[in-house]
């Protein structure tokens, strides 16, 4: 009985692509990856997933490639710190885009992975904040007259003065700073 030996050379492995008729593989470039074998051209490489980064040529696995906390990595990122998290948002690890702070919270700094509770005397209503005007503890978001705003207040009229009292100034933080109405 005779044996036939077959030798395969230049077989594309999972991170490489081989053009039809090519004798050598082409690796997927930085910012892309190839999760399965036998790609035929660079176009068979996929953009790195949002929240991940692809920092080496020929990447075949995105495990341990999460974007760093305080940053976000859009699709096709090649760095764990692709983009700084902007003011008004937070970016936990593996963020594909910045996450807007919830009502009752704010963030006045870039590159943060959490939001801060709204300050006493202010409200942080994200529906009132614009795209480039995050809800920050500034005059525009000061608690209105007739209401008080303890830490973490979400809406301007969340905490009205107790019945029979009034608040004569903006930015009150407690119901104990109100005056009885004269009868």
C-alpha atoms as a PDB file:
ATOM      1  CA  UNK A   1       0.000   0.000   0.000  1.00  0.00           C
ATOM      2  CA  UNK A   2       1.398   3.406  -0.928  1.00  0.00           C
ATOM      3  CA  UNK A   3       1.010   6.617   1.040  1.00  0.00           C
ATOM      4  CA  UNK A   4       0.304  10.029  -0.374  1.00  0.00           C
ATOM      5  CA  UNK A   5       1.693  12.968   1.514  1.00  0.00           C
ATOM      6  CA  UNK A   6       0.017  16.328   1.005  1.00  0.00           C
ATOM      7  CA  UNK A   7       1.665  19.478   2.269  1.00  0.00           C
ATOM      8  CA  UNK A   8      -0.247  22.705   2.714  1.00  0.00           C
ATOM      9  CA  UNK A   9       1.776  25.862   2.828  1.00  0.00           C
ATOM     10  CA  UNK A  10       0.643  29.380   3.502  1.00  0.00           C
ATOM     11  CA  UNK A  11      -2.768  28.416   4.894  1.00  0.00           C
ATOM     12  CA  UNK A  12      -4.576  31.440   6.288  1.00  0.00           C
ATOM     13  CA  UNK A  13      -5.147  31.151   9.996  1.00  0.00           C
ATOM     14  CA  UNK A  14      -7.979  32.906  11.776  1.00  0.00           C
ATOM     15  CA  UNK A  15      -6.336  36.320  11.947  1.00  0.00           C
ATOM     16  CA  UNK A  16      -5.142  36.365   8.341  1.00  0.00           C
ATOM     17  CA  UNK A  17      -6.749  36.502   4.922  1.00  0.00           C
ATOM     18  CA  UNK A  18      -5.566  34.917   1.696  1.00  0.00           C
ATOM     19  CA  UNK A  19      -6.541  36.392  -1.627  1.00  0.00           C
ATOM     20  CA  UNK A  20      -7.589  33.767  -4.153  1.00  0.00           C
ATOM     21  CA  UNK A  21      -4.465  32.396  -5.802  1.00  0.00           C
ATOM     22  CA  UNK A  22      -2.159  34.055  -3.277  1.00  0.00           C
ATOM     23  CA  UNK A  23       0.676  32.107  -1.741  1.00  0.00           C
ATOM     24  CA  UNK A  24       0.910  34.234   1.387  1.00  0.00           C
ATOM     25  CA  UNK A  25      -1.665  35.444   3.892  1.00  0.00           C
ATOM     26  CA  UNK A  26      -2.452  39.079   4.587  1.00  0.00           C
ATOM     27  CA  UNK A  27      -3.095  40.029   8.207  1.00  0.00           C
ATOM     28  CA  UNK A  28      -6.055  42.133   9.236  1.00  0.00           C
ATOM     29  CA  UNK A  29      -4.887  45.705   9.968  1.00  0.00           C
ATOM     30  CA  UNK A  30      -5.010  47.534  13.314  1.00  0.00           C
ATOM     31  CA  UNK A  31      -8.589  48.567  14.176  1.00  0.00           C
ATOM     32  CA  UNK A  32      -9.986  45.347  12.661  1.00  0.00           C
ATOM     33  CA  UNK A  33     -10.122  41.657  13.504  1.00  0.00           C
ATOM     34  CA  UNK A  34     -11.009  38.306  11.968  1.00  0.00           C
ATOM     35  CA  UNK A  35     -12.761  35.811  14.264  1.00  0.00           C
ATOM     36  CA  UNK A  36     -12.950  32.903  11.780  1.00  0.00           C
ATOM     37  CA  UNK A  37     -10.440  31.302   9.439  1.00  0.00           C
ATOM     38  CA  UNK A  38     -10.100  31.414   5.673  1.00  0.00           C
ATOM     39  CA  UNK A  39     -10.678  35.046   4.824  1.00  0.00           C
ATOM     40  CA  UNK A  40      -9.928  35.864   1.200  1.00  0.00           C
ATOM     41  CA  UNK A  41      -9.262  39.614   1.312  1.00  0.00           C
ATOM     42  CA  UNK A  42      -8.781  42.492   3.741  1.00  0.00           C
ATOM     43  CA  UNK A  43     -12.449  43.344   3.343  1.00  0.00           C
ATOM     44  CA  UNK A  44     -13.194  40.057   5.157  1.00  0.00           C
ATOM     45  CA  UNK A  45     -11.751  41.646   8.290  1.00  0.00           C
ATOM     46  CA  UNK A  46     -14.369  43.330  10.468  1.00  0.00           C
ATOM     47  CA  UNK A  47     -14.090  46.630  12.282  1.00  0.00           C
ATOM     48  CA  UNK A  48     -13.279  46.235  15.938  1.00  0.00           C
ATOM     49  CA  UNK A  49     -16.533  46.146  17.948  1.00  0.00           C
ATOM     50  CA  UNK A  50     -17.699  49.250  19.856  1.00  0.00           C
ATOM     51  CA  UNK A  51     -16.416  49.108  23.447  1.00  0.00           C
ATOM     52  CA  UNK A  52     -13.381  47.076  22.330  1.00  0.00           C
ATOM     53  CA  UNK A  53     -10.046  48.000  20.802  1.00  0.00           C
ATOM     54  CA  UNK A  54      -7.894  46.219  18.204  1.00  0.00           C
ATOM     55  CA  UNK A  55      -4.336  47.455  18.688  1.00  0.00           C
ATOM     56  CA  UNK A  56      -2.345  44.789  16.845  1.00  0.00           C
ATOM     57  CA  UNK A  57      -2.163  43.465  13.305  1.00  0.00           C
ATOM     58  CA  UNK A  58      -3.822  40.077  12.818  1.00  0.00           C
ATOM     59  CA  UNK A  59      -6.097  40.121  15.880  1.00  0.00           C
ATOM     60  CA  UNK A  60      -8.395  37.088  16.151  1.00  0.00           C
ATOM     61  CA  UNK A  61      -9.840  37.393  19.665  1.00  0.00           C
ATOM     62  CA  UNK A  62     -11.400  40.365  21.485  1.00  0.00           C
ATOM     63  CA  UNK A  63     -11.185  38.834  24.971  1.00  0.00           C
ATOM     64  CA  UNK A  64      -9.267  41.192  27.264  1.00  0.00           C
ATOM     65  CA  UNK A  65      -9.670  44.018  24.729  1.00  0.00           C
ATOM     66  CA  UNK A  66     -12.232  46.125  26.642  1.00  0.00           C
ATOM     67  CA  UNK A  67     -11.965  49.880  26.357  1.00  0.00           C
ATOM     68  CA  UNK A  68     -10.542  51.472  29.536  1.00  0.00           C
ATOM     69  CA  UNK A  69     -12.834  53.097  32.095  1.00  0.00           C
ATOM     70  CA  UNK A  70     -13.061  56.900  31.662  1.00  0.00           C
ATOM     71  CA  UNK A  71     -12.785  56.512  27.867  1.00  0.00           C
ATOM     72  CA  UNK A  72     -14.995  55.185  25.093  1.00  0.00           C
ATOM     73  CA  UNK A  73     -14.091  53.175  22.022  1.00  0.00           C
ATOM     74  CA  UNK A  74     -16.327  53.550  18.955  1.00  0.00           C
ATOM     75  CA  UNK A  75     -16.321  50.818  16.320  1.00  0.00           C
ATOM     76  CA  UNK A  76     -12.891  50.452  14.701  1.00  0.00           C
ATOM     77  CA  UNK A  77     -10.874  51.746  17.687  1.00  0.00           C
ATOM     78  CA  UNK A  78      -7.203  50.854  17.922  1.00  0.00           C
ATOM     79  CA  UNK A  79      -6.528  52.081  21.471  1.00  0.00           C
ATOM     80  CA  UNK A  80      -7.981  51.263  24.913  1.00  0.00           C
ATOM     81  CA  UNK A  81      -8.185  55.026  25.458  1.00  0.00           C
ATOM     82  CA  UNK A  82      -9.575  55.968  22.049  1.00  0.00           C
ATOM     83  CA  UNK A  83     -11.677  58.980  23.070  1.00  0.00           C
ATOM     84  CA  UNK A  84     -11.937  60.926  26.333  1.00  0.00           C
ATOM     85  CA  UNK A  85     -15.283  60.744  28.089  1.00  0.00           C
ATOM     86  CA  UNK A  86     -16.849  64.249  27.793  1.00  0.00           C
ATOM     87  CA  UNK A  87     -18.398  66.537  30.425  1.00  0.00           C
ATOM     88  CA  UNK A  88     -21.997  65.524  31.257  1.00  0.00           C
ATOM     89  CA  UNK A  89     -21.288  61.820  30.669  1.00  0.00           C
ATOM     90  CA  UNK A  90     -19.570  58.852  32.287  1.00  0.00           C
ATOM     91  CA  UNK A  91     -17.722  55.972  30.646  1.00  0.00           C
ATOM     92  CA  UNK A  92     -17.442  52.687  32.536  1.00  0.00           C
ATOM     93  CA  UNK A  93     -15.025  50.058  31.168  1.00  0.00           C
ATOM     94  CA  UNK A  94     -16.020  48.640  27.748  1.00  0.00           C
ATOM     95  CA  UNK A  95     -18.015  51.742  26.716  1.00  0.00           C
ATOM     96  CA  UNK A  96     -18.685  52.025  22.993  1.00  0.00           C
ATOM     97  CA  UNK A  97     -20.072  55.534  23.464  1.00  0.00           C
ATOM     98  CA  UNK A  98     -20.355  57.958  26.394  1.00  0.00           C
ATOM     99  CA  UNK A  99     -23.282  57.366  28.789  1.00  0.00           C
ATOM    100  CA  UNK A 100     -25.282  60.465  29.724  1.00  0.00           C
ATOM    101  CA  UNK A 101     -25.642  61.032  33.467  1.00  0.00           C
ATOM    102  CA  UNK A 102     -29.037  60.063  34.912  1.00  0.00           C
ATOM    103  CA  UNK A 103     -31.417  62.658  36.336  1.00  0.00           C
ATOM    104  CA  UNK A 104     -30.226  63.722  39.794  1.00  0.00           C
ATOM    105  CA  UNK A 105     -26.585  63.348  38.774  1.00  0.00           C
ATOM    106  CA  UNK A 106     -24.034  65.402  36.834  1.00  0.00           C
ATOM    107  CA  UNK A 107     -20.417  65.271  35.705  1.00  0.00           C
ATOM    108  CA  UNK A 108     -18.414  68.479  35.324  1.00  0.00           C
ATOM    109  CA  UNK A 109     -15.115  66.832  34.365  1.00  0.00           C
ATOM    110  CA  UNK A 110     -13.852  64.874  31.386  1.00  0.00           C
ATOM    111  CA  UNK A 111     -12.484  61.304  31.660  1.00  0.00           C
ATOM    112  CA  UNK A 112     -14.804  60.029  34.430  1.00  0.00           C
ATOM    113  CA  UNK A 113     -16.364  56.595  34.928  1.00  0.00           C
ATOM    114  CA  UNK A 114     -19.166  57.689  37.293  1.00  0.00           C
ATOM    115  CA  UNK A 115     -21.459  60.680  37.735  1.00  0.00           C
ATOM    116  CA  UNK A 116     -21.756  62.811  40.888  1.00  0.00           C
ATOM    117  CA  UNK A 117     -25.005  63.326  42.847  1.00  0.00           C
ATOM    118  CA  UNK A 118     -26.528  66.716  42.106  1.00  0.00           C
ATOM    119  CA  UNK A 119     -25.382  69.336  44.631  1.00  0.00           C
ATOM    120  CA  UNK A 120     -27.646  70.680  47.374  1.00  0.00           C
ATOM    121  CA  UNK A 121     -29.600  73.716  46.163  1.00  0.00           C
ATOM    122  CA  UNK A 122     -29.616  72.546  42.531  1.00  0.00           C
ATOM    123  CA  UNK A 123     -31.553  70.104  40.365  1.00  0.00           C
ATOM    124  CA  UNK A 124     -30.077  67.978  37.592  1.00  0.00           C
ATOM    125  CA  UNK A 125     -32.807  67.344  35.032  1.00  0.00           C
ATOM    126  CA  UNK A 126     -31.102  65.878  31.987  1.00  0.00           C
ATOM    127  CA  UNK A 127     -34.172  66.514  29.787  1.00  0.00           C
ATOM    128  CA  UNK A 128     -33.529  70.262  30.269  1.00  0.00           C
ATOM    129  CA  UNK A 129     -29.870  69.930  29.306  1.00  0.00           C
ATOM    130  CA  UNK A 130     -28.748  70.400  25.732  1.00  0.00           C
ATOM    131  CA  UNK A 131     -26.204  68.289  23.847  1.00  0.00           C
ATOM    132  CA  UNK A 132     -23.433  70.818  24.580  1.00  0.00           C
ATOM    133  CA  UNK A 133     -25.035  72.128  27.774  1.00  0.00           C
ATOM    134  CA  UNK A 134     -25.053  69.282  30.296  1.00  0.00           C
ATOM    135  CA  UNK A 135     -27.102  69.636  33.473  1.00  0.00           C
ATOM    136  CA  UNK A 136     -24.483  71.120  35.784  1.00  0.00           C
ATOM    137  CA  UNK A 137     -24.944  72.834  39.151  1.00  0.00           C
ATOM    138  CA  UNK A 138     -25.009  76.348  37.669  1.00  0.00           C
ATOM    139  CA  UNK A 139     -27.459  79.258  37.994  1.00  0.00           C
ATOM    140  CA  UNK A 140     -29.676  77.841  35.229  1.00  0.00           C
ATOM    141  CA  UNK A 141     -30.281  74.729  37.382  1.00  0.00           C
ATOM    142  CA  UNK A 142     -30.635  76.427  40.761  1.00  0.00           C
ATOM    143  CA  UNK A 143     -33.626  75.284  42.790  1.00  0.00           C
ATOM    144  CA  UNK A 144     -36.545  77.701  42.151  1.00  0.00           C
ATOM    145  CA  UNK A 145     -38.305  79.821  44.773  1.00  0.00           C
ATOM    146  CA  UNK A 146     -40.949  77.881  46.646  1.00  0.00           C
ATOM    147  CA  UNK A 147     -39.022  74.593  46.431  1.00  0.00           C
ATOM    148  CA  UNK A 148     -36.013  73.021  48.103  1.00  0.00           C
ATOM    149  CA  UNK A 149     -33.397  70.745  46.567  1.00  0.00           C
ATOM    150  CA  UNK A 150     -31.416  68.333  48.744  1.00  0.00           C
ATOM    151  CA  UNK A 151     -28.463  66.438  47.250  1.00  0.00           C
ATOM    152  CA  UNK A 152     -29.482  64.306  44.260  1.00  0.00           C
ATOM    153  CA  UNK A 153     -32.587  66.303  43.293  1.00  0.00           C
ATOM    154  CA  UNK A 154     -33.755  65.393  39.795  1.00  0.00           C
ATOM    155  CA  UNK A 155     -36.398  67.988  38.904  1.00  0.00           C
ATOM    156  CA  UNK A 156     -36.951  71.678  39.671  1.00  0.00           C
ATOM    157  CA  UNK A 157     -40.332  71.143  41.351  1.00  0.00           C
ATOM    158  CA  UNK A 158     -39.597  67.804  42.990  1.00  0.00           C
ATOM    159  CA  UNK A 159     -39.729  69.126  46.583  1.00  0.00           C
ATOM    160  CA  UNK A 160     -42.313  71.892  47.185  1.00  0.00           C
ATOM    161  CA  UNK A 161     -42.334  74.029  50.333  1.00  0.00           C
ATOM    162  CA  UNK A 162     -44.388  72.465  53.115  1.00  0.00           C
ATOM    163  CA  UNK A 163     -48.046  73.578  53.211  1.00  0.00           C
ATOM    164  CA  UNK A 164     -48.487  76.995  54.846  1.00  0.00           C
ATOM    165  CA  UNK A 165     -44.903  78.109  54.143  1.00  0.00           C
ATOM    166  CA  UNK A 166     -43.076  79.862  51.370  1.00  0.00           C
ATOM    167  CA  UNK A 167     -39.470  80.050  50.182  1.00  0.00           C
ATOM    168  CA  UNK A 168     -38.331  83.526  49.195  1.00  0.00           C
ATOM    169  CA  UNK A 169     -34.987  82.634  47.607  1.00  0.00           C
ATOM    170  CA  UNK A 170     -33.583  80.330  44.946  1.00  0.00           C
ATOM    171  CA  UNK A 171     -31.305  77.466  45.898  1.00  0.00           C
ATOM    172  CA  UNK A 172     -32.950  76.362  49.148  1.00  0.00           C
ATOM    173  CA  UNK A 173     -31.663  73.013  50.379  1.00  0.00           C
ATOM    174  CA  UNK A 174     -34.058  72.195  53.212  1.00  0.00           C
ATOM    175  CA  UNK A 175     -37.725  72.721  54.137  1.00  0.00           C
ATOM    176  CA  UNK A 176     -36.518  74.308  57.403  1.00  0.00           C
ATOM    177  CA  UNK A 177     -35.472  77.486  55.585  1.00  0.00           C
ATOM    178  CA  UNK A 178     -39.039  78.517  54.761  1.00  0.00           C
ATOM    179  CA  UNK A 179     -41.258  81.110  56.362  1.00  0.00           C
ATOM    180  CA  UNK A 180     -44.787  80.691  57.588  1.00  0.00           C
ATOM    181  CA  UNK A 181     -47.375  82.450  55.495  1.00  0.00           C
ATOM    182  CA  UNK A 182     -49.115  85.319  57.331  1.00  0.00           C
ATOM    183  CA  UNK A 183     -52.824  84.698  57.906  1.00  0.00           C
END
